[in-house]
Amino acid sequence: MPKRRKTRCGFLVVISGPSGVGKSTVVRRLLEVFPELKMSISATTRPPRPMEKNKLDYHFLTEKDFFEQVKNNSFLEWAQVHKYYYGTPIKYIEEEIEKNNIVVVEVDVQGASKIKEKININQLKCSAVFIFLIPPSVDILAFRLKRRKTEKVEAVNYRLRAAIAELQVMEKYDYIVVNDKVDSAAQKIRAIINVEKEKALLN
């Protein structure tokens, strides 16, 4: 007897990559072309950049408030990255996956590794797809970091060295997407999610 197909199935999409690769820009475009996705908004102690809005781009927290949430086990993962702290609130993710929605999480390489660990030991009871975003070249990555003009030269150089090191872990991901053009990268990720959605329906 053939297996009954589910009508819907929720899972987590983890989008990661080195600093400066354009994760936030690609994710914003992805949500435009795939509006039914649910976006998990990270918390951070980093000050807002120009045009960033609280609770839209990030939950901007003081260190005191951030570590209060750490103490309460409110984060799926958290880490210190470039002198600031970042965390992924777990409650929203669990609620949306329970509703059979597909939730997108944008995190750094450390965060993606911690999420994978929690799924592997069944602390987060859902399946996940890990997508690594890479630049067309290291030169383009350096250009993108310098173009931001939101940090001092020393900070940019530190981020570039860290980003090059982070590229070494790409083979640990399910998919690798080159961010040559934002729209193209978003469409590639949309295609990946559709494939994974079909796989989930068959399980």
Protein backbone atom coordinates (compact mmCIF):
# COMPACT_ATOMS: atom_id res chain seq x y z
CA MET A 1 0.00 0.00 0.00
CA PRO A 2 1.51 3.38 -1.00
CA LYS A 3 2.49 5.74 1.80
CA ARG A 4 -0.01 8.51 2.42
CA ARG A 5 1.42 11.88 1.44
CA LYS A 6 1.36 14.70 3.95
CA THR A 7 -0.18 17.93 2.78
CA ARG A 8 2.51 20.05 4.49
CA CYS A 9 5.64 19.57 6.54
CA GLY A 10 7.63 22.13 8.51
CA PHE A 11 11.41 22.25 8.66
CA LEU A 12 14.29 24.63 9.29
CA VAL A 13 16.43 26.28 6.60
CA VAL A 14 19.79 27.43 7.96
CA ILE A 15 21.56 29.97 5.74
CA SER A 16 25.15 30.68 6.68
CA GLY A 17 28.41 31.91 5.20
CA PRO A 18 31.37 34.17 5.90
CA SER A 19 31.04 37.78 7.00
CA GLY A 20 30.50 40.11 4.05
CA VAL A 21 29.10 37.47 1.70
CA GLY A 22 25.71 39.19 1.65
CA LYS A 23 23.60 36.82 3.73
CA SER A 24 21.12 39.47 4.89
CA THR A 25 20.64 40.91 1.40
CA VAL A 26 20.04 37.49 -0.15
CA VAL A 27 17.64 36.46 2.63
CA ARG A 28 15.62 39.68 2.19
CA ARG A 29 15.32 38.92 -1.53
CA LEU A 30 14.44 35.29 -0.79
CA LEU A 31 11.53 36.40 1.40
CA GLU A 32 10.29 38.63 -1.43
CA VAL A 33 10.25 35.79 -3.98
CA PHE A 34 9.10 33.16 -1.45
CA PRO A 35 6.76 35.09 0.91
CA GLU A 36 5.30 32.00 2.58
CA LEU A 37 8.62 31.39 4.37
CA LYS A 38 8.90 32.42 8.01
CA MET A 39 11.97 34.38 9.07
CA SER A 40 13.57 33.92 12.47
CA ILE A 41 14.98 37.26 13.67
CA SER A 42 18.24 36.98 15.59
CA ALA A 43 19.14 38.85 18.74
CA THR A 44 22.39 40.79 19.00
CA THR A 45 24.29 43.17 21.22
CA ARG A 46 25.77 44.83 18.12
CA PRO A 47 24.67 48.45 17.59
CA PRO A 48 22.26 48.93 14.67
CA ARG A 49 23.76 49.86 11.31
CA PRO A 50 22.22 52.70 9.31
CA MET A 51 18.69 51.77 8.14
CA GLU A 52 18.46 48.73 10.45
CA LYS A 53 15.35 48.54 12.60
CA ASN A 54 14.78 46.80 15.92
CA LYS A 55 12.62 43.63 15.71
CA LEU A 56 12.77 43.81 11.91
CA ASP A 57 16.46 43.25 11.15
CA TYR A 58 17.51 42.13 14.63
CA HIS A 59 16.35 42.17 18.21
CA PHE A 60 18.90 44.69 19.49
CA LEU A 61 19.66 43.93 23.15
CA THR A 62 21.97 45.16 25.86
CA GLU A 63 24.49 42.62 27.13
CA LYS A 64 22.53 42.40 30.39
CA ASP A 65 19.29 41.54 28.57
CA PHE A 66 21.09 39.16 26.22
CA PHE A 67 22.60 37.11 29.05
CA GLU A 68 19.31 37.09 30.90
CA GLN A 69 17.89 35.27 27.87
CA VAL A 70 20.90 32.95 27.83
CA LYS A 71 20.22 32.12 31.47
CA ASN A 72 16.58 31.35 30.61
CA ASN A 73 17.61 29.02 27.74
CA SER A 74 15.79 31.26 25.28
CA PHE A 75 18.31 30.75 22.45
CA LEU A 76 18.66 27.82 20.08
CA GLU A 77 22.28 28.90 19.74
CA TRP A 78 24.37 31.89 20.71
CA ALA A 79 27.95 32.99 20.24
CA GLN A 80 30.35 35.88 20.40
CA VAL A 81 31.25 37.09 16.92
CA HIS A 82 33.59 40.02 16.29
CA LYS A 83 33.25 41.40 19.85
CA TYR A 84 29.44 41.22 19.92
CA TYR A 85 26.97 38.50 20.91
CA TYR A 86 24.38 36.92 18.62
CA GLY A 87 21.61 34.47 19.43
CA THR A 88 18.74 32.67 17.72
CA PRO A 89 15.48 32.74 19.75
CA ILE A 90 14.09 29.22 19.94
CA LYS A 91 10.43 29.87 20.81
CA TYR A 92 9.42 31.34 17.44
CA ILE A 93 11.11 28.52 15.52
CA GLU A 94 9.40 25.79 17.52
CA GLU A 95 5.99 27.45 17.22
CA GLU A 96 6.21 27.90 13.45
CA ILE A 97 7.54 24.41 12.72
CA GLU A 98 4.75 23.02 14.90
CA LYS A 99 2.39 24.78 12.46
CA ASN A 100 4.19 22.98 9.58
CA ASN A 101 5.81 26.18 8.32
CA ILE A 102 9.28 26.48 6.82
CA VAL A 103 11.48 28.73 8.96
CA VAL A 104 14.61 30.48 7.68
CA VAL A 105 17.48 31.20 10.06
CA GLU A 106 20.42 33.38 9.02
CA VAL A 107 23.46 32.70 11.20
CA ASP A 108 27.24 32.76 11.17
CA VAL A 109 29.33 29.59 10.84
CA GLN A 110 29.51 29.06 14.62
CA GLY A 111 25.74 29.32 14.94
CA ALA A 112 25.10 26.85 12.13
CA SER A 113 27.43 24.33 13.78
CA LYS A 114 25.62 24.62 17.12
CA ILE A 115 22.19 24.21 15.48
CA LYS A 116 23.40 21.05 13.73
CA GLU A 117 24.65 19.67 17.05
CA LYS A 118 21.29 20.25 18.73
CA ILE A 119 19.41 18.56 15.88
CA ASN A 120 21.81 15.61 15.93
CA ILE A 121 21.20 15.01 19.65
CA ASN A 122 17.47 15.63 19.24
CA GLN A 123 17.31 18.81 21.34
CA LEU A 124 15.50 20.45 18.44
CA LYS A 125 12.90 18.04 17.10
CA CYS A 126 12.79 18.96 13.43
CA SER A 127 14.73 18.42 10.24
CA ALA A 128 16.97 21.12 8.82
CA VAL A 129 18.64 22.02 5.53
CA PHE A 130 22.02 23.77 5.76
CA ILE A 131 22.93 26.18 2.94
CA PHE A 132 26.33 27.87 2.71
CA LEU A 133 26.57 31.14 0.79
CA ILE A 134 29.94 31.93 -0.78
CA PRO A 135 31.28 34.91 -2.75
CA PRO A 136 32.40 34.54 -6.38
CA SER A 137 35.97 35.24 -5.19
CA VAL A 138 37.95 36.38 -2.15
CA ASP A 139 38.66 39.70 -3.92
CA ILE A 140 34.94 40.36 -4.24
CA LEU A 141 34.45 39.43 -0.59
CA ALA A 142 37.12 41.97 0.41
CA PHE A 143 35.47 44.62 -1.77
CA ARG A 144 32.06 44.01 -0.18
CA LEU A 145 33.44 44.28 3.34
CA LYS A 146 35.26 47.53 2.57
CA ARG A 147 32.24 48.97 0.75
CA ARG A 148 30.15 48.87 3.95
CA LYS A 149 32.13 51.78 5.46
CA THR A 150 30.54 51.05 8.85
CA GLU A 151 33.74 49.84 10.53
CA LYS A 152 37.37 50.85 10.87
CA VAL A 153 40.04 49.38 8.60
CA GLU A 154 41.37 47.13 11.38
CA ALA A 155 37.91 45.65 11.95
CA VAL A 156 37.40 45.07 8.22
CA ASN A 157 40.75 43.29 7.92
CA TYR A 158 39.89 41.13 10.94
CA ARG A 159 36.55 40.18 9.37
CA LEU A 160 38.25 39.35 6.07
CA ARG A 161 40.76 37.01 7.75
CA ALA A 162 37.93 35.35 9.69
CA ALA A 163 35.80 35.02 6.55
CA ILE A 164 38.60 33.28 4.64
CA ALA A 165 38.97 30.81 7.52
CA GLU A 166 35.19 30.23 7.59
CA LEU A 167 35.21 29.23 3.92
CA GLN A 168 37.06 26.05 4.92
CA VAL A 169 33.91 24.52 6.46
CA MET A 170 31.67 24.71 3.40
CA GLU A 171 31.87 20.96 2.73
CA LYS A 172 29.93 20.34 5.96
CA TYR A 173 26.79 21.91 4.46
CA ASP A 174 24.03 20.29 2.40
CA TYR A 175 24.22 22.90 -0.36
CA ILE A 176 26.65 25.61 -1.50
CA VAL A 177 25.27 28.68 -3.31
CA VAL A 178 27.46 31.30 -5.00
CA ASN A 179 26.23 34.84 -4.37
CA ASP A 180 27.27 36.32 -7.69
CA LYS A 181 24.00 38.22 -8.09
CA VAL A 182 21.46 38.63 -5.30
CA ASP A 183 18.40 37.66 -7.34
CA SER A 184 20.13 34.60 -8.79
CA ALA A 185 21.28 33.42 -5.35
CA ALA A 186 17.78 33.89 -3.91
CA GLN A 187 16.23 31.91 -6.76
CA LYS A 188 18.74 29.08 -6.28
CA ILE A 189 17.86 28.88 -2.58
CA ARG A 190 14.16 28.94 -3.43
CA ALA A 191 14.70 25.96 -5.76
CA ILE A 192 16.60 24.10 -3.02
CA ILE A 193 13.79 24.68 -0.53
CA ASN A 194 11.19 23.42 -3.01
CA VAL A 195 13.21 20.23 -3.56
CA GLU A 196 13.57 19.70 0.19
CA LYS A 197 9.85 20.36 0.68
CA GLU A 198 9.03 17.57 -1.76
CA LYS A 199 11.44 15.23 0.05
CA ALA A 200 9.78 16.05 3.38
CA LEU A 201 6.35 15.29 2.00
CA LEU A 202 7.50 11.83 0.94
CA ASN A 203 8.95 10.90 4.34
